[in-house]
Amino acid sequence: MADSQIATLAFAVIFPFSMLLYSKSRVTEAKETLRAEIGALRSDLRADLAQLTQHIETRFNSIYRKLHELLRIGARHGRKREVQETRTLFTG
């Protein structure tokens, strides 16, 4: 076998193998980058979710207080009406 044939054969084996290793290191690097990005996005999402949860809780409490006030006013109005009806029955 001539030197040029050996060199060609060696190149045919070594070059694809080296490209495979290079490719694998690039894939590993890409995976690490993606994991870091996903972790950052996950923490941002959790922070946004906590903020949204707090906002919903605040709005719910506000609505609850307004509903409670309306029910209190309605109950007071109902008692006044009962008193008026009772007076009408006794005076009528």
PDB file of N, CA and C in Angstrom:
ATOM      1  N   MET A   1       0.850  -1.153   0.000  1.00  0.00           N
ATOM      2  CA  MET A   1       0.000   0.000   0.000  1.00  0.00           C
ATOM      3  C   MET A   1       0.908   1.232   0.000  1.00  0.00           C
ATOM      4  N   ALA A   2       0.596   2.175  -0.828  1.00  0.00           N
ATOM      5  CA  ALA A   2       1.427   3.372  -0.978  1.00  0.00           C
ATOM      6  C   ALA A   2       1.121   4.356   0.138  1.00  0.00           C
ATOM      7  N   ASP A   3       2.045   5.254   0.342  1.00  0.00           N
ATOM      8  CA  ASP A   3       1.876   6.267   1.391  1.00  0.00           C
ATOM      9  C   ASP A   3       0.650   7.136   1.150  1.00  0.00           C
ATOM     10  N   SER A   4       0.397   7.455  -0.076  1.00  0.00           N
ATOM     11  CA  SER A   4      -0.771   8.293  -0.376  1.00  0.00           C
ATOM     12  C   SER A   4      -2.066   7.545  -0.071  1.00  0.00           C
ATOM     13  N   GLN A   5      -2.092   6.245  -0.296  1.00  0.00           N
ATOM     14  CA  GLN A   5      -3.280   5.453   0.018  1.00  0.00           C
ATOM     15  C   GLN A   5      -3.489   5.363   1.526  1.00  0.00           C
ATOM     16  N   ILE A   6      -2.416   5.202   2.254  1.00  0.00           N
ATOM     17  CA  ILE A   6      -2.508   5.156   3.734  1.00  0.00           C
ATOM     18  C   ILE A   6      -2.978   6.504   4.260  1.00  0.00           C
ATOM     19  N   ALA A   7      -2.434   7.559   3.717  1.00  0.00           N
ATOM     20  CA  ALA A   7      -2.832   8.901   4.143  1.00  0.00           C
ATOM     21  C   ALA A   7      -4.306   9.138   3.847  1.00  0.00           C
ATOM     22  N   THR A   8      -4.751   8.711   2.662  1.00  0.00           N
ATOM     23  CA  THR A   8      -6.160   8.872   2.292  1.00  0.00           C
ATOM     24  C   THR A   8      -7.049   8.044   3.212  1.00  0.00           C
ATOM     25  N   LEU A   9      -6.658   6.829   3.494  1.00  0.00           N
ATOM     26  CA  LEU A   9      -7.424   5.970   4.390  1.00  0.00           C
ATOM     27  C   LEU A   9      -7.464   6.550   5.807  1.00  0.00           C
ATOM     28  N   ALA A  10      -6.334   7.023   6.284  1.00  0.00           N
ATOM     29  CA  ALA A  10      -6.277   7.632   7.617  1.00  0.00           C
ATOM     30  C   ALA A  10      -7.168   8.876   7.674  1.00  0.00           C
ATOM     31  N   PHE A  11      -7.099   9.679   6.620  1.00  0.00           N
ATOM     32  CA  PHE A  11      -7.933  10.887   6.563  1.00  0.00           C
ATOM     33  C   PHE A  11      -9.408  10.503   6.530  1.00  0.00           C
ATOM     34  N   ALA A  12      -9.741   9.445   5.800  1.00  0.00           N
ATOM     35  CA  ALA A  12     -11.124   8.993   5.679  1.00  0.00           C
ATOM     36  C   ALA A  12     -11.669   8.496   7.020  1.00  0.00           C
ATOM     37  N   VAL A  13     -10.816   8.017   7.892  1.00  0.00           N
ATOM     38  CA  VAL A  13     -11.248   7.530   9.202  1.00  0.00           C
ATOM     39  C   VAL A  13     -11.163   8.643  10.250  1.00  0.00           C
ATOM     40  N   ILE A  14     -10.069   9.355  10.259  1.00  0.00           N
ATOM     41  CA  ILE A  14      -9.829  10.360  11.305  1.00  0.00           C
ATOM     42  C   ILE A  14     -10.738  11.577  11.146  1.00  0.00           C
ATOM     43  N   PHE A  15     -10.921  12.056   9.949  1.00  0.00           N
ATOM     44  CA  PHE A  15     -11.732  13.252   9.753  1.00  0.00           C
ATOM     45  C   PHE A  15     -13.179  13.056  10.216  1.00  0.00           C
ATOM     46  N   PRO A  16     -13.880  12.020   9.797  1.00  0.00           N
ATOM     47  CA  PRO A  16     -15.252  11.835  10.305  1.00  0.00           C
ATOM     48  C   PRO A  16     -15.296  11.644  11.822  1.00  0.00           C
ATOM     49  N   PHE A  17     -14.304  10.921  12.358  1.00  0.00           N
ATOM     50  CA  PHE A  17     -14.271  10.718  13.809  1.00  0.00           C
ATOM     51  C   PHE A  17     -14.079  12.047  14.543  1.00  0.00           C
ATOM     52  N   SER A  18     -13.179  12.883  14.047  1.00  0.00           N
ATOM     53  CA  SER A  18     -12.953  14.181  14.692  1.00  0.00           C
ATOM     54  C   SER A  18     -14.184  15.074  14.551  1.00  0.00           C
ATOM     55  N   MET A  19     -14.861  15.002  13.416  1.00  0.00           N
ATOM     56  CA  MET A  19     -16.091  15.787  13.234  1.00  0.00           C
ATOM     57  C   MET A  19     -17.190  15.291  14.171  1.00  0.00           C
ATOM     58  N   LEU A  20     -17.232  13.999  14.388  1.00  0.00           N
ATOM     59  CA  LEU A  20     -18.209  13.441  15.317  1.00  0.00           C
ATOM     60  C   LEU A  20     -17.956  13.950  16.727  1.00  0.00           C
ATOM     61  N   LEU A  21     -16.707  13.939  17.163  1.00  0.00           N
ATOM     62  CA  LEU A  21     -16.368  14.459  18.492  1.00  0.00           C
ATOM     63  C   LEU A  21     -16.693  15.947  18.599  1.00  0.00           C
ATOM     64  N   TYR A  22     -16.344  16.707  17.561  1.00  0.00           N
ATOM     65  CA  TYR A  22     -16.626  18.140  17.557  1.00  0.00           C
ATOM     66  C   TYR A  22     -18.134  18.372  17.620  1.00  0.00           C
ATOM     67  N   SER A  23     -18.875  17.599  16.837  1.00  0.00           N
ATOM     68  CA  SER A  23     -20.324  17.722  16.811  1.00  0.00           C
ATOM     69  C   SER A  23     -20.915  17.390  18.179  1.00  0.00           C
ATOM     70  N   LYS A  24     -20.401  16.338  18.787  1.00  0.00           N
ATOM     71  CA  LYS A  24     -20.908  15.944  20.103  1.00  0.00           C
ATOM     72  C   LYS A  24     -20.641  17.032  21.135  1.00  0.00           C
ATOM     73  N   SER A  25     -19.474  17.649  21.088  1.00  0.00           N
ATOM     74  CA  SER A  25     -19.177  18.726  22.041  1.00  0.00           C
ATOM     75  C   SER A  25     -20.086  19.920  21.793  1.00  0.00           C
ATOM     76  N   ARG A  26     -20.415  20.206  20.519  1.00  0.00           N
ATOM     77  CA  ARG A  26     -21.330  21.296  20.202  1.00  0.00           C
ATOM     78  C   ARG A  26     -22.741  20.987  20.698  1.00  0.00           C
ATOM     79  N   VAL A  27     -23.155  19.730  20.564  1.00  0.00           N
ATOM     80  CA  VAL A  27     -24.471  19.326  21.049  1.00  0.00           C
ATOM     81  C   VAL A  27     -24.524  19.456  22.568  1.00  0.00           C
ATOM     82  N   THR A  28     -23.474  19.032  23.235  1.00  0.00           N
ATOM     83  CA  THR A  28     -23.413  19.153  24.693  1.00  0.00           C
ATOM     84  C   THR A  28     -23.466  20.614  25.107  1.00  0.00           C
ATOM     85  N   GLU A  29     -22.743  21.446  24.404  1.00  0.00           N
ATOM     86  CA  GLU A  29     -22.756  22.879  24.690  1.00  0.00           C
ATOM     87  C   GLU A  29     -24.153  23.465  24.467  1.00  0.00           C
ATOM     88  N   ALA A  30     -24.799  23.054  23.402  1.00  0.00           N
ATOM     89  CA  ALA A  30     -26.153  23.533  23.117  1.00  0.00           C
ATOM     90  C   ALA A  30     -27.135  23.072  24.197  1.00  0.00           C
ATOM     91  N   LYS A  31     -26.999  21.826  24.654  1.00  0.00           N
ATOM     92  CA  LYS A  31     -27.869  21.325  25.713  1.00  0.00           C
ATOM     93  C   LYS A  31     -27.674  22.117  26.999  1.00  0.00           C
ATOM     94  N   GLU A  32     -26.439  22.406  27.346  1.00  0.00           N
ATOM     95  CA  GLU A  32     -26.166  23.178  28.554  1.00  0.00           C
ATOM     96  C   GLU A  32     -26.746  24.586  28.444  1.00  0.00           C
ATOM     97  N   THR A  33     -26.609  25.192  27.267  1.00  0.00           N
ATOM     98  CA  THR A  33     -27.170  26.524  27.057  1.00  0.00           C
ATOM     99  C   THR A  33     -28.690  26.489  27.171  1.00  0.00           C
ATOM    100  N   LEU A  34     -29.305  25.490  26.562  1.00  0.00           N
ATOM    101  CA  LEU A  34     -30.762  25.371  26.643  1.00  0.00           C
ATOM    102  C   LEU A  34     -31.232  25.135  28.074  1.00  0.00           C
ATOM    103  N   ARG A  35     -30.507  24.318  28.805  1.00  0.00           N
ATOM    104  CA  ARG A  35     -30.876  24.075  30.205  1.00  0.00           C
ATOM    105  C   ARG A  35     -30.800  25.371  31.012  1.00  0.00           C
ATOM    106  N   ALA A  36     -29.780  26.164  30.778  1.00  0.00           N
ATOM    107  CA  ALA A  36     -29.645  27.440  31.484  1.00  0.00           C
ATOM    108  C   ALA A  36     -30.790  28.379  31.117  1.00  0.00           C
ATOM    109  N   GLU A  37     -31.116  28.438  29.840  1.00  0.00           N
ATOM    110  CA  GLU A  37     -32.220  29.297  29.392  1.00  0.00           C
ATOM    111  C   GLU A  37     -33.553  28.833  29.976  1.00  0.00           C
ATOM    112  N   ILE A  38     -33.777  27.538  29.981  1.00  0.00           N
ATOM    113  CA  ILE A  38     -35.015  26.994  30.540  1.00  0.00           C
ATOM    114  C   ILE A  38     -35.095  27.303  32.034  1.00  0.00           C
ATOM    115  N   GLY A  39     -33.977  27.172  32.733  1.00  0.00           N
ATOM    116  CA  GLY A  39     -33.963  27.498  34.160  1.00  0.00           C
ATOM    117  C   GLY A  39     -34.289  28.955  34.404  1.00  0.00           C
ATOM    118  N   ALA A  40     -33.734  29.849  33.586  1.00  0.00           N
ATOM    119  CA  ALA A  40     -34.010  31.283  33.735  1.00  0.00           C
ATOM    120  C   ALA A  40     -35.478  31.572  33.440  1.00  0.00           C
ATOM    121  N   LEU A  41     -35.998  30.976  32.386  1.00  0.00           N
ATOM    122  CA  LEU A  41     -37.404  31.184  32.046  1.00  0.00           C
ATOM    123  C   LEU A  41     -38.327  30.619  33.120  1.00  0.00           C
ATOM    124  N   ARG A  42     -37.941  29.485  33.680  1.00  0.00           N
ATOM    125  CA  ARG A  42     -38.753  28.873  34.738  1.00  0.00           C
ATOM    126  C   ARG A  42     -38.819  29.787  35.967  1.00  0.00           C
ATOM    127  N   SER A  43     -37.689  30.365  36.345  1.00  0.00           N
ATOM    128  CA  SER A  43     -37.705  31.259  37.502  1.00  0.00           C
ATOM    129  C   SER A  43     -38.493  32.530  37.202  1.00  0.00           C
ATOM    130  N   ASP A  44     -38.389  33.045  35.969  1.00  0.00           N
ATOM    131  CA  ASP A  44     -39.201  34.210  35.583  1.00  0.00           C
ATOM    132  C   ASP A  44     -40.684  33.875  35.624  1.00  0.00           C
ATOM    133  N   LEU A  45     -41.031  32.699  35.135  1.00  0.00           N
ATOM    134  CA  LEU A  45     -42.422  32.271  35.126  1.00  0.00           C
ATOM    135  C   LEU A  45     -42.956  32.118  36.549  1.00  0.00           C
ATOM    136  N   ARG A  46     -42.153  31.558  37.420  1.00  0.00           N
ATOM    137  CA  ARG A  46     -42.586  31.406  38.817  1.00  0.00           C
ATOM    138  C   ARG A  46     -42.788  32.767  39.484  1.00  0.00           C
ATOM    139  N   ALA A  47     -41.911  33.712  39.201  1.00  0.00           N
ATOM    140  CA  ALA A  47     -42.055  35.057  39.763  1.00  0.00           C
ATOM    141  C   ALA A  47     -43.322  35.716  39.235  1.00  0.00           C
ATOM    142  N   ASP A  48     -43.569  35.582  37.925  1.00  0.00           N
ATOM    143  CA  ASP A  48     -44.782  36.152  37.343  1.00  0.00           C
ATOM    144  C   ASP A  48     -46.025  35.489  37.910  1.00  0.00           C
ATOM    145  N   LEU A  49     -45.971  34.193  38.110  1.00  0.00           N
ATOM    146  CA  LEU A  49     -47.107  33.470  38.667  1.00  0.00           C
ATOM    147  C   LEU A  49     -47.385  33.906  40.102  1.00  0.00           C
ATOM    148  N   ALA A  50     -46.346  34.109  40.877  1.00  0.00           N
ATOM    149  CA  ALA A  50     -46.526  34.574  42.255  1.00  0.00           C
ATOM    150  C   ALA A  50     -47.147  35.968  42.262  1.00  0.00           C
ATOM    151  N   GLN A  51     -46.695  36.817  41.360  1.00  0.00           N
ATOM    152  CA  GLN A  51     -47.242  38.171  41.261  1.00  0.00           C
ATOM    153  C   GLN A  51     -48.714  38.118  40.836  1.00  0.00           C
ATOM    154  N   LEU A  52     -49.025  37.278  39.873  1.00  0.00           N
ATOM    155  CA  LEU A  52     -50.403  37.132  39.418  1.00  0.00           C
ATOM    156  C   LEU A  52     -51.291  36.585  40.529  1.00  0.00           C
ATOM    157  N   THR A  53     -50.793  35.614  41.262  1.00  0.00           N
ATOM    158  CA  THR A  53     -51.548  35.039  42.374  1.00  0.00           C
ATOM    159  C   THR A  53     -51.851  36.106  43.418  1.00  0.00           C
ATOM    160  N   GLN A  54     -50.870  36.947  43.714  1.00  0.00           N
ATOM    161  CA  GLN A  54     -51.070  38.031  44.685  1.00  0.00           C
ATOM    162  C   GLN A  54     -52.116  39.012  44.171  1.00  0.00           C
ATOM    163  N   HIS A  55     -52.053  39.335  42.890  1.00  0.00           N
ATOM    164  CA  HIS A  55     -53.027  40.264  42.302  1.00  0.00           C
ATOM    165  C   HIS A  55     -54.439  39.682  42.361  1.00  0.00           C
ATOM    166  N   ILE A  56     -54.576  38.411  42.024  1.00  0.00           N
ATOM    167  CA  ILE A  56     -55.890  37.760  42.072  1.00  0.00           C
ATOM    168  C   ILE A  56     -56.420  37.742  43.502  1.00  0.00           C
ATOM    169  N   GLU A  57     -55.554  37.448  44.448  1.00  0.00           N
ATOM    170  CA  GLU A  57     -55.973  37.413  45.855  1.00  0.00           C
ATOM    171  C   GLU A  57     -56.428  38.793  46.320  1.00  0.00           C
ATOM    172  N   THR A  58     -55.711  39.826  45.918  1.00  0.00           N
ATOM    173  CA  THR A  58     -56.083  41.195  46.285  1.00  0.00           C
ATOM    174  C   THR A  58     -57.439  41.554  45.701  1.00  0.00           C
ATOM    175  N   ARG A  59     -57.644  41.231  44.426  1.00  0.00           N
ATOM    176  CA  ARG A  59     -58.927  41.534  43.787  1.00  0.00           C
ATOM    177  C   ARG A  59     -60.054  40.725  44.414  1.00  0.00           C
ATOM    178  N   PHE A  60     -59.802  39.473  44.738  1.00  0.00           N
ATOM    179  CA  PHE A  60     -60.822  38.641  45.373  1.00  0.00           C
ATOM    180  C   PHE A  60     -61.228  39.236  46.716  1.00  0.00           C
ATOM    181  N   ASN A  61     -60.241  39.648  47.507  1.00  0.00           N
ATOM    182  CA  ASN A  61     -60.547  40.238  48.808  1.00  0.00           C
ATOM    183  C   ASN A  61     -61.357  41.520  48.660  1.00  0.00           C
ATOM    184  N   SER A  62     -61.035  42.311  47.652  1.00  0.00           N
ATOM    185  CA  SER A  62     -61.786  43.534  47.398  1.00  0.00           C
ATOM    186  C   SER A  62     -63.237  43.220  47.043  1.00  0.00           C
ATOM    187  N   ILE A  63     -63.428  42.257  46.166  1.00  0.00           N
ATOM    188  CA  ILE A  63     -64.784  41.859  45.772  1.00  0.00           C
ATOM    189  C   ILE A  63     -65.525  41.273  46.969  1.00  0.00           C
ATOM    190  N   TYR A  64     -64.834  40.487  47.781  1.00  0.00           N
ATOM    191  CA  TYR A  64     -65.460  39.899  48.969  1.00  0.00           C
ATOM    192  C   TYR A  64     -65.936  40.990  49.930  1.00  0.00           C
ATOM    193  N   ARG A  65     -65.090  42.008  50.139  1.00  0.00           N
ATOM    194  CA  ARG A  65     -65.486  43.112  51.037  1.00  0.00           C
ATOM    195  C   ARG A  65     -66.701  43.851  50.484  1.00  0.00           C
ATOM    196  N   LYS A  66     -66.737  44.088  49.182  1.00  0.00           N
ATOM    197  CA  LYS A  66     -67.886  44.781  48.583  1.00  0.00           C
ATOM    198  C   LYS A  66     -69.150  43.936  48.698  1.00  0.00           C
ATOM    199  N   LEU A  67     -69.035  42.642  48.452  1.00  0.00           N
ATOM    200  CA  LEU A  67     -70.184  41.760  48.588  1.00  0.00           C
ATOM    201  C   LEU A  67     -70.686  41.742  50.025  1.00  0.00           C
ATOM    202  N   HIS A  68     -69.763  41.665  50.968  1.00  0.00           N
ATOM    203  CA  HIS A  68     -70.138  41.675  52.381  1.00  0.00           C
ATOM    204  C   HIS A  68     -70.882  42.965  52.726  1.00  0.00           C
ATOM    205  N   GLU A  69     -70.406  44.086  52.227  1.00  0.00           N
ATOM    206  CA  GLU A  69     -71.061  45.378  52.483  1.00  0.00           C
ATOM    207  C   GLU A  69     -72.463  45.395  51.870  1.00  0.00           C
ATOM    208  N   LEU A  70     -72.607  44.876  50.638  1.00  0.00           N
ATOM    209  CA  LEU A  70     -73.930  44.833  50.002  1.00  0.00           C
ATOM    210  C   LEU A  70     -74.892  43.933  50.776  1.00  0.00           C
ATOM    211  N   LEU A  71     -74.407  42.809  51.244  1.00  0.00           N
ATOM    212  CA  LEU A  71     -75.262  41.919  52.033  1.00  0.00           C
ATOM    213  C   LEU A  71     -75.663  42.565  53.353  1.00  0.00           C
ATOM    214  N   ARG A  72     -74.733  43.281  53.952  1.00  0.00           N
ATOM    215  CA  ARG A  72     -75.040  43.979  55.206  1.00  0.00           C
ATOM    216  C   ARG A  72     -76.108  45.052  54.974  1.00  0.00           C
ATOM    217  N   ILE A  73     -75.959  45.813  53.893  1.00  0.00           N
ATOM    218  CA  ILE A  73     -76.947  46.850  53.569  1.00  0.00           C
ATOM    219  C   ILE A  73     -78.296  46.210  53.264  1.00  0.00           C
ATOM    220  N   GLY A  74     -78.273  45.095  52.498  1.00  0.00           N
ATOM    221  CA  GLY A  74     -79.517  44.398  52.177  1.00  0.00           C
ATOM    222  C   GLY A  74     -80.208  43.873  53.422  1.00  0.00           C
ATOM    223  N   ALA A  75     -79.451  43.336  54.350  1.00  0.00           N
ATOM    224  CA  ALA A  75     -80.034  42.814  55.593  1.00  0.00           C
ATOM    225  C   ALA A  75     -80.619  43.955  56.413  1.00  0.00           C
ATOM    226  N   ARG A  76     -79.910  45.079  56.476  1.00  0.00           N
ATOM    227  CA  ARG A  76     -80.411  46.235  57.227  1.00  0.00           C
ATOM    228  C   ARG A  76     -81.699  46.755  56.591  1.00  0.00           C
ATOM    229  N   HIS A  77     -81.732  46.810  55.275  1.00  0.00           N
ATOM    230  CA  HIS A  77     -82.926  47.265  54.566  1.00  0.00           C
ATOM    231  C   HIS A  77     -84.090  46.304  54.827  1.00  0.00           C
ATOM    232  N   GLY A  78     -83.820  45.008  54.837  1.00  0.00           N
ATOM    233  CA  GLY A  78     -84.860  44.020  55.112  1.00  0.00           C
ATOM    234  C   GLY A  78     -85.429  44.177  56.503  1.00  0.00           C
ATOM    235  N   ARG A  79     -84.570  44.467  57.486  1.00  0.00           N
ATOM    236  CA  ARG A  79     -85.052  44.667  58.864  1.00  0.00           C
ATOM    237  C   ARG A  79     -85.906  45.930  58.958  1.00  0.00           C
ATOM    238  N   LYS A  80     -85.503  46.995  58.273  1.00  0.00           N
ATOM    239  CA  LYS A  80     -86.290  48.231  58.281  1.00  0.00           C
ATOM    240  C   LYS A  80     -87.660  47.989  57.658  1.00  0.00           C
ATOM    241  N   ARG A  81     -87.696  47.226  56.581  1.00  0.00           N
ATOM    242  CA  ARG A  81     -88.956  46.944  55.913  1.00  0.00           C
ATOM    243  C   ARG A  81     -89.872  46.123  56.813  1.00  0.00           C
ATOM    244  N   GLU A  82     -89.296  45.153  57.538  1.00  0.00           N
ATOM    245  CA  GLU A  82     -90.096  44.339  58.453  1.00  0.00           C
ATOM    246  C   GLU A  82     -90.692  45.206  59.558  1.00  0.00           C
ATOM    247  N   VAL A  83     -89.896  46.129  60.062  1.00  0.00           N
ATOM    248  CA  VAL A  83     -90.387  47.024  61.120  1.00  0.00           C
ATOM    249  C   VAL A  83     -91.516  47.885  60.569  1.00  0.00           C
ATOM    250  N   GLN A  84     -91.343  48.419  59.365  1.00  0.00           N
ATOM    251  CA  GLN A  84     -92.387  49.249  58.768  1.00  0.00           C
ATOM    252  C   GLN A  84     -93.660  48.442  58.535  1.00  0.00           C
ATOM    253  N   GLU A  85     -93.532  47.213  58.056  1.00  0.00           N
ATOM    254  CA  GLU A  85     -94.694  46.371  57.833  1.00  0.00           C
ATOM    255  C   GLU A  85     -95.396  46.063  59.144  1.00  0.00           C
ATOM    256  N   THR A  86     -94.619  45.818  60.206  1.00  0.00           N
ATOM    257  CA  THR A  86     -95.205  45.539  61.513  1.00  0.00           C
ATOM    258  C   THR A  86     -95.971  46.745  62.015  1.00  0.00           C
ATOM    259  N   ARG A  87     -95.383  47.935  61.859  1.00  0.00           N
ATOM    260  CA  ARG A  87     -96.073  49.171  62.288  1.00  0.00           C
ATOM    261  C   ARG A  87     -97.339  49.375  61.499  1.00  0.00           C
ATOM    262  N   THR A  88     -97.333  49.061  60.210  1.00  0.00           N
ATOM    263  CA  THR A  88     -98.503  49.227  59.369  1.00  0.00           C
ATOM    264  C   THR A  88     -99.604  48.289  59.836  1.00  0.00           C
ATOM    265  N   LEU A  89     -99.249  47.065  60.235  1.00  0.00           N
ATOM    266  CA  LEU A  89    -100.256  46.111  60.691  1.00  0.00           C
ATOM    267  C   LEU A  89    -100.918  46.578  61.977  1.00  0.00           C
ATOM    268  N   PHE A  90    -100.125  47.176  62.874  1.00  0.00           N
ATOM    269  CA  PHE A  90    -100.682  47.608  64.176  1.00  0.00           C
ATOM    270  C   PHE A  90    -101.422  48.940  64.058  1.00  0.00           C
ATOM    271  N   THR A  91    -101.022  49.765  63.134  1.00  0.00           N
ATOM    272  CA  THR A  91    -101.673  51.071  63.040  1.00  0.00           C
ATOM    273  C   THR A  91    -102.781  51.078  61.991  1.00  0.00           C
ATOM    274  N   GLY A  92    -102.773  50.128  61.091  1.00  0.00           N
ATOM    275  CA  GLY A  92    -103.704  50.086  59.967  1.00  0.00           C
ATOM    276  C   GLY A  92    -105.030  49.624  60.308  1.00  0.00           C
TER     277      GLY A  92
END
